[in-house]
Amino acid sequence: MRSKGTSHQLAARQAYALVLLQQGHATAQVAEIVGVTPRSVQRWRRSVLQPRHKRKQNLKPPHRPCRLTPRQLKQLEKALGQGALAHGYAEDYWTLDRIAHVVWRLFRIRYRPSGVWRLLQRMEWSCQKPQRISFQHDDEQIAHWKQYLWPKIKKVA
């Protein structure tokens, strides 16, 4: 399993571990300092000892790149900002499936709900649940009940 961080962050961690090894620290000690297993430190040491042309440079990002361009992301954000009612839904809230359908309609790119979730995180959108309010909701009646009726019920109980 790959550690968290970009490829450059992981390369910096590896370089720091190699510096500690050159200073004479033990493998287990370096592993504890850097926050990896001793086996990883041994692997890094061995990769340095191999000739350069045999080493594999893996500087790809740790995740799959976004299939939407930055321009399309802005279009999607604008479309989501219009609300779900503007896109033909009965209630004005977004679900992952609804957003996936909007992405398909706008850009003809399919996303699963987990991919939509990552897309929303990339756009810095948060997850919120819709607040359900009944049709009979009346703030004046609620205030009256709390002020006059509830104290009477409380005394009796």
Protein backbone atom coordinates (compact mmCIF):
# COMPACT_ATOMS: atom_id res chain seq x y z
CA MET A 1 0.00 0.00 0.00
CA ARG A 2 1.38 3.36 -0.99
CA SER A 3 1.96 6.02 1.68
CA LYS A 4 0.00 9.25 1.59
CA GLY A 5 1.50 12.22 -0.17
CA THR A 6 2.54 13.35 -3.61
CA SER A 7 5.37 11.69 -5.47
CA HIS A 8 7.63 14.62 -4.65
CA GLN A 9 6.81 14.39 -0.93
CA LEU A 10 7.55 10.67 -0.94
CA ALA A 11 10.83 11.26 -2.81
CA ALA A 12 11.80 13.89 -0.21
CA ARG A 13 11.05 11.40 2.58
CA GLN A 14 13.21 8.79 0.87
CA ALA A 15 16.07 11.27 0.38
CA TYR A 16 15.91 12.23 4.06
CA ALA A 17 16.05 8.57 5.05
CA LEU A 18 19.10 8.02 2.84
CA VAL A 19 20.85 11.01 4.44
CA LEU A 20 20.18 9.52 7.88
CA LEU A 21 21.59 6.19 6.71
CA GLN A 22 24.75 7.90 5.46
CA GLN A 23 25.13 9.55 8.85
CA GLY A 24 25.34 6.10 10.40
CA HIS A 25 21.87 5.58 11.85
CA ALA A 26 20.52 2.04 12.03
CA THR A 27 17.81 0.92 9.61
CA ALA A 28 15.19 0.48 12.33
CA GLN A 29 16.02 3.88 13.79
CA VAL A 30 15.71 5.59 10.38
CA ALA A 31 12.42 3.80 9.75
CA GLU A 32 11.02 5.07 13.04
CA ILE A 33 12.17 8.65 12.39
CA VAL A 34 10.78 8.77 8.85
CA GLY A 35 7.60 6.84 9.70
CA VAL A 36 7.96 3.81 7.44
CA THR A 37 8.81 0.13 7.88
CA PRO A 38 12.42 -1.04 8.11
CA ARG A 39 11.80 -3.05 4.93
CA SER A 40 11.13 0.18 3.02
CA VAL A 41 14.39 1.69 4.25
CA GLN A 42 16.26 -1.45 3.13
CA ARG A 43 14.62 -1.23 -0.28
CA TRP A 44 15.61 2.44 -0.60
CA ARG A 45 19.19 1.64 0.35
CA ARG A 46 19.34 -1.15 -2.23
CA SER A 47 17.92 1.14 -4.94
CA VAL A 48 20.75 3.62 -4.35
CA LEU A 49 23.35 0.89 -4.71
CA GLN A 50 21.95 -0.19 -8.09
CA PRO A 51 23.20 1.59 -11.21
CA ARG A 52 21.15 4.63 -12.22
CA HIS A 53 19.88 3.22 -15.50
CA LYS A 54 18.29 0.25 -13.72
CA ARG A 55 16.42 2.33 -11.14
CA LYS A 56 12.79 3.05 -11.80
CA GLN A 57 11.76 6.68 -11.42
CA ASN A 58 8.11 6.80 -10.44
CA LEU A 59 7.07 10.43 -10.33
CA LYS A 60 3.48 9.89 -11.41
CA PRO A 61 0.80 11.22 -9.06
CA PRO A 62 -0.58 8.66 -6.58
CA HIS A 63 -4.09 8.95 -8.03
CA ARG A 64 -5.74 8.88 -11.40
CA PRO A 65 -5.85 12.33 -13.01
CA CYS A 66 -9.20 14.11 -13.20
CA ARG A 67 -11.09 13.43 -16.41
CA LEU A 68 -12.60 16.91 -16.36
CA THR A 69 -10.50 19.87 -17.43
CA PRO A 70 -10.24 22.89 -15.12
CA ARG A 71 -12.63 24.74 -17.47
CA GLN A 72 -15.16 21.89 -17.22
CA LEU A 73 -14.82 21.90 -13.42
CA LYS A 74 -15.76 25.58 -13.39
CA GLN A 75 -18.74 24.85 -15.66
CA LEU A 76 -19.83 22.05 -13.34
CA GLU A 77 -19.52 24.29 -10.29
CA LYS A 78 -21.64 26.92 -12.00
CA ALA A 79 -24.24 24.30 -12.96
CA LEU A 80 -24.38 22.92 -9.42
CA GLY A 81 -24.68 26.46 -8.07
CA GLN A 82 -27.93 26.87 -10.01
CA GLY A 83 -29.47 24.20 -7.81
CA ALA A 84 -31.07 20.85 -8.44
CA LEU A 85 -34.45 22.41 -9.32
CA ALA A 86 -32.87 24.09 -12.34
CA HIS A 87 -31.81 20.67 -13.62
CA GLY A 88 -35.27 19.13 -13.38
CA TYR A 89 -35.21 17.50 -9.93
CA ALA A 90 -38.24 17.75 -7.61
CA GLU A 91 -36.28 18.71 -4.49
CA ASP A 92 -33.46 21.24 -4.33
CA TYR A 93 -30.61 19.12 -3.00
CA TRP A 94 -27.74 17.27 -4.63
CA THR A 95 -26.87 13.61 -4.30
CA LEU A 96 -23.86 11.88 -5.78
CA ASP A 97 -26.06 10.13 -8.34
CA ARG A 98 -27.69 13.39 -9.39
CA ILE A 99 -24.33 15.07 -9.83
CA ALA A 100 -23.09 12.08 -11.85
CA HIS A 101 -26.12 12.50 -14.16
CA VAL A 102 -25.41 16.22 -14.56
CA VAL A 103 -21.77 15.47 -15.42
CA TRP A 104 -22.97 12.96 -18.01
CA ARG A 105 -25.47 15.41 -19.51
CA LEU A 106 -22.96 18.27 -19.69
CA PHE A 107 -19.73 16.51 -20.67
CA ARG A 108 -20.64 12.92 -21.64
CA ILE A 109 -18.23 11.58 -19.02
CA ARG A 110 -19.41 8.82 -16.70
CA TYR A 111 -18.58 8.94 -13.00
CA ARG A 112 -19.50 6.49 -10.29
CA PRO A 113 -20.66 7.93 -6.93
CA SER A 114 -17.22 7.39 -5.38
CA GLY A 115 -15.64 9.31 -8.26
CA VAL A 116 -18.16 12.12 -7.88
CA TRP A 117 -17.25 12.25 -4.19
CA ARG A 118 -13.57 12.75 -5.07
CA LEU A 119 -14.54 15.30 -7.68
CA LEU A 120 -16.48 17.29 -5.08
CA GLN A 121 -13.53 17.12 -2.70
CA ARG A 122 -11.29 18.47 -5.46
CA MET A 123 -13.78 21.32 -5.94
CA GLU A 124 -13.76 21.86 -2.12
CA TRP A 125 -17.49 21.20 -1.75
CA SER A 126 -18.70 19.76 1.55
CA CYS A 127 -21.23 17.03 2.24
CA GLN A 128 -24.46 18.31 3.75
CA LYS A 129 -27.76 16.62 4.46
CA PRO A 130 -30.98 18.40 3.51
CA GLN A 131 -32.99 19.69 6.44
CA ARG A 132 -36.47 18.21 6.34
CA ILE A 133 -39.26 20.60 7.39
CA SER A 134 -42.89 19.55 7.37
CA PHE A 135 -45.47 21.42 5.29
CA GLN A 136 -47.42 22.26 8.46
CA HIS A 137 -44.38 23.91 10.09
CA ASP A 138 -45.48 27.15 11.78
CA ASP A 139 -42.90 29.05 13.83
CA GLU A 140 -45.54 31.12 15.68
CA GLN A 141 -47.40 28.01 16.85
CA ILE A 142 -44.15 26.39 17.96
CA ALA A 143 -43.16 29.49 19.95
CA HIS A 144 -46.62 29.61 21.55
CA TRP A 145 -46.48 25.92 22.46
CA LYS A 146 -43.01 26.31 24.01
CA GLN A 147 -43.98 29.39 26.01
CA TYR A 148 -47.45 28.47 27.27
CA LEU A 149 -48.35 24.81 26.79
CA TRP A 150 -45.04 23.08 27.54
CA PRO A 151 -44.66 24.65 31.04
CA LYS A 152 -48.18 23.41 31.93
CA ILE A 153 -47.37 19.90 30.72
CA LYS A 154 -44.10 19.99 32.61
CA LYS A 155 -45.83 20.92 35.89
CA VAL A 156 -48.31 18.06 35.61
CA ALA A 157 -45.73 15.44 34.71
